[in-house]
Amino acid sequence: MENNFATSAAAEAPPEPVTPVALSDARYDLILLDPSKVRLFRTGGTTVRMALDDPQVGEERSYLKVSVARAFPLSDPEHYIGLRDGADKDIGMLRSLEGLDAESRAIAEEELKRRYFLPRITRVREVTEEFGMTTWDVETDKGDRTFIVHNLKESVNELTPTRVLITDMEGNRYEFPDIRKLDEKSFGILQRVL
């Protein structure tokens, strides 16, 4: 007769505590990096570089060009921060910026702020269309802006029935936080164009 007690006890015992430097999940090809093992820095210009001392991804590595991006920029901007190399290949992800050294955190925050600069449109002065492109003349919370949008159907993202994002030809995004709060003229222009 087989002894099920040992098997049962082992199955119920809590796993031994493990503090992984990086956690890899094969289902998603995701490497969660330990922020204490990541060091971001700049050498001279604006290029972000990274040193990674992480056994999960091998011996200490150095990346000459790194980009920082949010996995969920709208719904969870403070968590799951991705790091990619110069070839746009995933290096890994941080659950948050907590645990990074002060310099690395400042650089990551600066890069995220730059990447996710998101002016909120408060008024639409004019939208003109020519050759399949629309030129927008708007007022935003960051000042007056004029931008060009190619292919409105692909460049407009309706997040909710009242919240809209528009991406211009250069990849800059603009937000209508609540189209119901626009003045009558702006709302009319928006309805006509969209």
C-alpha atoms as a PDB file:
ATOM      1  CA  MET A   1       0.000   0.000   0.000  1.00  0.00           C
ATOM      2  CA  GLU A   2       1.344   3.400  -1.005  1.00  0.00           C
ATOM      3  CA  ASN A   3       2.019   6.026   1.663  1.00  0.00           C
ATOM      4  CA  ASN A   4      -0.052   9.050   0.614  1.00  0.00           C
ATOM      5  CA  PHE A   5       0.660  10.945   3.826  1.00  0.00           C
ATOM      6  CA  ALA A   6       4.140  12.108   2.734  1.00  0.00           C
ATOM      7  CA  THR A   7       2.888  13.099  -0.699  1.00  0.00           C
ATOM      8  CA  SER A   8      -0.097  14.902   0.795  1.00  0.00           C
ATOM      9  CA  ALA A   9       2.019  16.745   3.384  1.00  0.00           C
ATOM     10  CA  ALA A  10       4.507  17.846   0.738  1.00  0.00           C
ATOM     11  CA  ALA A  11       1.720  19.122  -1.473  1.00  0.00           C
ATOM     12  CA  GLU A  12       0.243  21.174   1.373  1.00  0.00           C
ATOM     13  CA  ALA A  13       3.530  22.578   2.663  1.00  0.00           C
ATOM     14  CA  PRO A  14       4.133  26.157   1.620  1.00  0.00           C
ATOM     15  CA  PRO A  15       6.903  26.590  -0.900  1.00  0.00           C
ATOM     16  CA  GLU A  16      10.262  27.661   0.431  1.00  0.00           C
ATOM     17  CA  PRO A  17      10.696  31.418   0.206  1.00  0.00           C
ATOM     18  CA  VAL A  18      12.560  32.399  -2.915  1.00  0.00           C
ATOM     19  CA  THR A  19      13.574  35.909  -3.836  1.00  0.00           C
ATOM     20  CA  PRO A  20      14.213  35.723  -7.548  1.00  0.00           C
ATOM     21  CA  VAL A  21      16.285  38.397  -9.190  1.00  0.00           C
ATOM     22  CA  ALA A  22      14.113  37.929 -12.249  1.00  0.00           C
ATOM     23  CA  LEU A  23      11.016  35.852 -12.684  1.00  0.00           C
ATOM     24  CA  SER A  24      10.474  34.332 -16.090  1.00  0.00           C
ATOM     25  CA  ASP A  25       7.016  33.174 -17.100  1.00  0.00           C
ATOM     26  CA  ALA A  26       7.224  30.964 -20.198  1.00  0.00           C
ATOM     27  CA  ARG A  27       3.517  31.443 -20.903  1.00  0.00           C
ATOM     28  CA  TYR A  28       4.143  35.091 -21.678  1.00  0.00           C
ATOM     29  CA  ASP A  29       7.904  35.285 -22.364  1.00  0.00           C
ATOM     30  CA  LEU A  30       8.022  37.830 -19.575  1.00  0.00           C
ATOM     31  CA  ILE A  31      11.079  38.542 -17.484  1.00  0.00           C
ATOM     32  CA  LEU A  32      10.316  40.527 -14.353  1.00  0.00           C
ATOM     33  CA  LEU A  33      13.490  42.268 -13.305  1.00  0.00           C
ATOM     34  CA  ASP A  34      14.597  43.011  -9.766  1.00  0.00           C
ATOM     35  CA  PRO A  35      14.921  46.824  -9.709  1.00  0.00           C
ATOM     36  CA  SER A  36      17.916  46.629  -7.364  1.00  0.00           C
ATOM     37  CA  LYS A  37      19.825  44.848 -10.167  1.00  0.00           C
ATOM     38  CA  VAL A  38      19.018  47.479 -12.829  1.00  0.00           C
ATOM     39  CA  ARG A  39      21.080  50.637 -13.283  1.00  0.00           C
ATOM     40  CA  LEU A  40      20.055  53.279 -15.841  1.00  0.00           C
ATOM     41  CA  PHE A  41      22.438  56.070 -16.786  1.00  0.00           C
ATOM     42  CA  ARG A  42      23.308  58.524 -19.539  1.00  0.00           C
ATOM     43  CA  THR A  43      26.720  59.135 -21.021  1.00  0.00           C
ATOM     44  CA  GLY A  44      26.883  62.595 -22.480  1.00  0.00           C
ATOM     45  CA  GLY A  45      23.770  63.012 -24.623  1.00  0.00           C
ATOM     46  CA  THR A  46      20.197  61.906 -24.170  1.00  0.00           C
ATOM     47  CA  THR A  47      20.695  58.199 -24.853  1.00  0.00           C
ATOM     48  CA  VAL A  48      19.693  55.978 -21.941  1.00  0.00           C
ATOM     49  CA  ARG A  49      22.031  53.077 -21.185  1.00  0.00           C
ATOM     50  CA  MET A  50      21.619  50.214 -18.767  1.00  0.00           C
ATOM     51  CA  ALA A  51      23.739  47.852 -16.710  1.00  0.00           C
ATOM     52  CA  LEU A  52      21.950  44.696 -15.611  1.00  0.00           C
ATOM     53  CA  ASP A  53      23.469  42.353 -13.034  1.00  0.00           C
ATOM     54  CA  ASP A  54      20.878  39.614 -13.192  1.00  0.00           C
ATOM     55  CA  PRO A  55      21.601  35.860 -13.112  1.00  0.00           C
ATOM     56  CA  GLN A  56      18.210  35.196 -14.745  1.00  0.00           C
ATOM     57  CA  VAL A  57      19.367  36.808 -17.989  1.00  0.00           C
ATOM     58  CA  GLY A  58      23.008  35.775 -17.712  1.00  0.00           C
ATOM     59  CA  GLU A  59      26.106  37.483 -16.442  1.00  0.00           C
ATOM     60  CA  GLU A  60      26.179  41.236 -16.014  1.00  0.00           C
ATOM     61  CA  ARG A  61      25.137  42.869 -19.244  1.00  0.00           C
ATOM     62  CA  SER A  62      25.382  46.361 -20.582  1.00  0.00           C
ATOM     63  CA  TYR A  63      22.916  47.862 -23.046  1.00  0.00           C
ATOM     64  CA  LEU A  64      24.062  50.853 -25.093  1.00  0.00           C
ATOM     65  CA  LYS A  65      20.582  52.108 -25.898  1.00  0.00           C
ATOM     66  CA  VAL A  66      17.464  51.460 -23.829  1.00  0.00           C
ATOM     67  CA  SER A  67      13.889  52.666 -24.153  1.00  0.00           C
ATOM     68  CA  VAL A  68      11.440  52.800 -21.266  1.00  0.00           C
ATOM     69  CA  ALA A  69       7.698  52.276 -21.800  1.00  0.00           C
ATOM     70  CA  ARG A  70       4.560  51.517 -19.847  1.00  0.00           C
ATOM     71  CA  ALA A  71       2.704  48.271 -20.529  1.00  0.00           C
ATOM     72  CA  PHE A  72      -0.596  49.885 -19.504  1.00  0.00           C
ATOM     73  CA  PRO A  73      -0.119  53.648 -19.966  1.00  0.00           C
ATOM     74  CA  LEU A  74      -3.777  54.528 -19.509  1.00  0.00           C
ATOM     75  CA  SER A  75      -5.177  51.975 -17.084  1.00  0.00           C
ATOM     76  CA  ASP A  76      -2.157  51.334 -14.810  1.00  0.00           C
ATOM     77  CA  PRO A  77       0.618  53.842 -15.529  1.00  0.00           C
ATOM     78  CA  GLU A  78       2.581  53.208 -12.315  1.00  0.00           C
ATOM     79  CA  HIS A  79       3.093  49.472 -12.835  1.00  0.00           C
ATOM     80  CA  TYR A  80       4.721  47.180 -15.393  1.00  0.00           C
ATOM     81  CA  ILE A  81       7.430  49.321 -16.932  1.00  0.00           C
ATOM     82  CA  GLY A  82       9.092  47.700 -19.933  1.00  0.00           C
ATOM     83  CA  LEU A  83      12.744  48.043 -20.912  1.00  0.00           C
ATOM     84  CA  ARG A  84      13.800  47.433 -24.541  1.00  0.00           C
ATOM     85  CA  ASP A  85      17.180  47.463 -26.227  1.00  0.00           C
ATOM     86  CA  GLY A  86      18.298  49.454 -29.270  1.00  0.00           C
ATOM     87  CA  ALA A  87      16.942  46.757 -31.609  1.00  0.00           C
ATOM     88  CA  ASP A  88      13.518  47.180 -29.931  1.00  0.00           C
ATOM     89  CA  LYS A  89      13.815  43.749 -28.299  1.00  0.00           C
ATOM     90  CA  ASP A  90      12.412  43.222 -24.814  1.00  0.00           C
ATOM     91  CA  ILE A  91      15.010  43.101 -22.066  1.00  0.00           C
ATOM     92  CA  GLY A  92      12.532  42.735 -19.237  1.00  0.00           C
ATOM     93  CA  MET A  93       9.928  44.464 -17.140  1.00  0.00           C
ATOM     94  CA  LEU A  94       9.827  46.171 -13.759  1.00  0.00           C
ATOM     95  CA  ARG A  95       6.692  45.800 -11.636  1.00  0.00           C
ATOM     96  CA  SER A  96       7.191  49.463 -10.707  1.00  0.00           C
ATOM     97  CA  LEU A  97       9.996  51.984 -10.373  1.00  0.00           C
ATOM     98  CA  GLU A  98      10.223  51.345  -6.637  1.00  0.00           C
ATOM     99  CA  GLY A  99      13.535  49.803  -5.688  1.00  0.00           C
ATOM    100  CA  LEU A 100      15.552  51.519  -8.424  1.00  0.00           C
ATOM    101  CA  ASP A 101      18.449  53.662  -7.224  1.00  0.00           C
ATOM    102  CA  ALA A 102      17.741  57.425  -7.244  1.00  0.00           C
ATOM    103  CA  GLU A 103      19.549  58.149 -10.533  1.00  0.00           C
ATOM    104  CA  SER A 104      17.905  55.240 -12.366  1.00  0.00           C
ATOM    105  CA  ARG A 105      14.470  56.180 -11.094  1.00  0.00           C
ATOM    106  CA  ALA A 106      14.921  59.834 -12.116  1.00  0.00           C
ATOM    107  CA  ILE A 107      15.991  58.784 -15.623  1.00  0.00           C
ATOM    108  CA  ALA A 108      13.090  56.330 -15.972  1.00  0.00           C
ATOM    109  CA  GLU A 109      10.576  58.959 -14.800  1.00  0.00           C
ATOM    110  CA  GLU A 110      12.044  61.536 -17.195  1.00  0.00           C
ATOM    111  CA  GLU A 111      11.830  59.101 -20.121  1.00  0.00           C
ATOM    112  CA  LEU A 112       8.249  58.147 -19.278  1.00  0.00           C
ATOM    113  CA  LYS A 113       7.226  61.776 -18.933  1.00  0.00           C
ATOM    114  CA  ARG A 114       8.749  62.552 -22.321  1.00  0.00           C
ATOM    115  CA  ARG A 115       7.243  59.489 -23.977  1.00  0.00           C
ATOM    116  CA  TYR A 116       3.781  59.980 -22.547  1.00  0.00           C
ATOM    117  CA  PHE A 117       3.502  63.731 -22.932  1.00  0.00           C
ATOM    118  CA  LEU A 118      -0.257  63.960 -23.361  1.00  0.00           C
ATOM    119  CA  PRO A 119      -1.742  67.416 -23.883  1.00  0.00           C
ATOM    120  CA  ARG A 120      -5.468  67.638 -23.142  1.00  0.00           C
ATOM    121  CA  ILE A 121      -7.442  69.432 -25.829  1.00  0.00           C
ATOM    122  CA  THR A 122      -9.693  72.083 -24.305  1.00  0.00           C
ATOM    123  CA  ARG A 123     -10.849  73.795 -27.488  1.00  0.00           C
ATOM    124  CA  VAL A 124     -10.866  73.074 -31.223  1.00  0.00           C
ATOM    125  CA  ARG A 125     -10.416  76.238 -33.274  1.00  0.00           C
ATOM    126  CA  GLU A 126     -10.337  74.655 -36.710  1.00  0.00           C
ATOM    127  CA  VAL A 127      -9.862  71.367 -38.525  1.00  0.00           C
ATOM    128  CA  THR A 128      -9.132  71.389 -42.247  1.00  0.00           C
ATOM    129  CA  GLU A 129      -8.855  68.404 -44.550  1.00  0.00           C
ATOM    130  CA  GLU A 130      -6.679  68.108 -47.626  1.00  0.00           C
ATOM    131  CA  PHE A 131      -5.383  65.053 -49.500  1.00  0.00           C
ATOM    132  CA  GLY A 132      -6.674  62.649 -46.840  1.00  0.00           C
ATOM    133  CA  MET A 133      -4.938  64.481 -43.999  1.00  0.00           C
ATOM    134  CA  THR A 134      -6.501  66.702 -41.369  1.00  0.00           C
ATOM    135  CA  THR A 135      -4.775  69.697 -39.837  1.00  0.00           C
ATOM    136  CA  TRP A 136      -5.910  70.463 -36.296  1.00  0.00           C
ATOM    137  CA  ASP A 137      -5.612  73.907 -34.710  1.00  0.00           C
ATOM    138  CA  VAL A 138      -6.376  73.446 -31.010  1.00  0.00           C
ATOM    139  CA  GLU A 139      -5.893  74.845 -27.522  1.00  0.00           C
ATOM    140  CA  THR A 140      -4.559  72.421 -24.916  1.00  0.00           C
ATOM    141  CA  ASP A 141      -3.652  72.520 -21.250  1.00  0.00           C
ATOM    142  CA  LYS A 142      -0.025  72.755 -22.479  1.00  0.00           C
ATOM    143  CA  GLY A 143      -0.630  75.662 -24.881  1.00  0.00           C
ATOM    144  CA  ASP A 144      -1.724  76.142 -28.482  1.00  0.00           C
ATOM    145  CA  ARG A 145      -0.946  73.312 -30.889  1.00  0.00           C
ATOM    146  CA  THR A 146      -1.272  72.647 -34.597  1.00  0.00           C
ATOM    147  CA  PHE A 147      -0.818  69.068 -35.740  1.00  0.00           C
ATOM    148  CA  ILE A 148      -1.534  66.871 -38.746  1.00  0.00           C
ATOM    149  CA  VAL A 149      -3.369  63.554 -38.630  1.00  0.00           C
ATOM    150  CA  HIS A 150      -3.192  61.000 -41.424  1.00  0.00           C
ATOM    151  CA  ASN A 151      -6.015  58.457 -41.687  1.00  0.00           C
ATOM    152  CA  LEU A 152      -8.446  59.483 -38.957  1.00  0.00           C
ATOM    153  CA  LYS A 153      -9.930  55.995 -38.630  1.00  0.00           C
ATOM    154  CA  GLU A 154      -6.576  54.589 -37.519  1.00  0.00           C
ATOM    155  CA  SER A 155      -5.451  57.670 -35.589  1.00  0.00           C
ATOM    156  CA  VAL A 156      -8.504  58.175 -33.373  1.00  0.00           C
ATOM    157  CA  ASN A 157      -9.014  55.922 -30.381  1.00  0.00           C
ATOM    158  CA  GLU A 158     -12.326  56.190 -28.529  1.00  0.00           C
ATOM    159  CA  LEU A 159     -11.435  55.009 -25.015  1.00  0.00           C
ATOM    160  CA  THR A 160     -14.959  55.584 -23.716  1.00  0.00           C
ATOM    161  CA  PRO A 161     -17.984  57.214 -25.356  1.00  0.00           C
ATOM    162  CA  THR A 162     -16.712  60.573 -24.026  1.00  0.00           C
ATOM    163  CA  ARG A 163     -12.902  60.154 -23.879  1.00  0.00           C
ATOM    164  CA  VAL A 164     -10.942  60.262 -27.137  1.00  0.00           C
ATOM    165  CA  LEU A 165      -7.237  60.031 -28.036  1.00  0.00           C
ATOM    166  CA  ILE A 166      -5.833  61.306 -31.324  1.00  0.00           C
ATOM    167  CA  THR A 167      -2.350  60.418 -32.587  1.00  0.00           C
ATOM    168  CA  ASP A 168      -0.688  62.764 -35.070  1.00  0.00           C
ATOM    169  CA  MET A 169       1.705  61.866 -37.905  1.00  0.00           C
ATOM    170  CA  GLU A 170       4.724  62.187 -35.598  1.00  0.00           C
ATOM    171  CA  GLY A 171       3.306  59.817 -32.990  1.00  0.00           C
ATOM    172  CA  ASN A 172       2.301  62.543 -30.530  1.00  0.00           C
ATOM    173  CA  ARG A 173      -0.951  61.883 -28.723  1.00  0.00           C
ATOM    174  CA  TYR A 174      -3.643  64.358 -27.724  1.00  0.00           C
ATOM    175  CA  GLU A 175      -6.540  63.684 -25.401  1.00  0.00           C
ATOM    176  CA  PHE A 176     -10.125  64.850 -25.224  1.00  0.00           C
ATOM    177  CA  PRO A 177     -10.747  63.878 -21.561  1.00  0.00           C
ATOM    178  CA  ASP A 178     -14.503  64.499 -21.879  1.00  0.00           C
ATOM    179  CA  ILE A 179     -15.971  65.696 -25.172  1.00  0.00           C
ATOM    180  CA  ARG A 180     -19.169  66.729 -23.347  1.00  0.00           C
ATOM    181  CA  LYS A 181     -17.209  69.516 -21.648  1.00  0.00           C
ATOM    182  CA  LEU A 182     -16.134  71.133 -24.930  1.00  0.00           C
ATOM    183  CA  ASP A 183     -17.686  74.430 -25.975  1.00  0.00           C
ATOM    184  CA  GLU A 184     -20.455  74.206 -28.580  1.00  0.00           C
ATOM    185  CA  LYS A 185     -18.241  75.190 -31.552  1.00  0.00           C
ATOM    186  CA  SER A 186     -15.504  72.689 -30.618  1.00  0.00           C
ATOM    187  CA  PHE A 187     -18.037  69.916 -30.108  1.00  0.00           C
ATOM    188  CA  GLY A 188     -19.630  70.670 -33.495  1.00  0.00           C
ATOM    189  CA  ILE A 189     -16.268  70.542 -35.279  1.00  0.00           C
ATOM    190  CA  LEU A 190     -15.418  67.272 -33.558  1.00  0.00           C
ATOM    191  CA  GLN A 191     -18.746  65.690 -34.555  1.00  0.00           C
ATOM    192  CA  ARG A 192     -18.305  66.805 -38.161  1.00  0.00           C
ATOM    193  CA  VAL A 193     -14.760  65.457 -38.437  1.00  0.00           C
ATOM    194  CA  LEU A 194     -15.141  62.217 -36.512  1.00  0.00           C
END
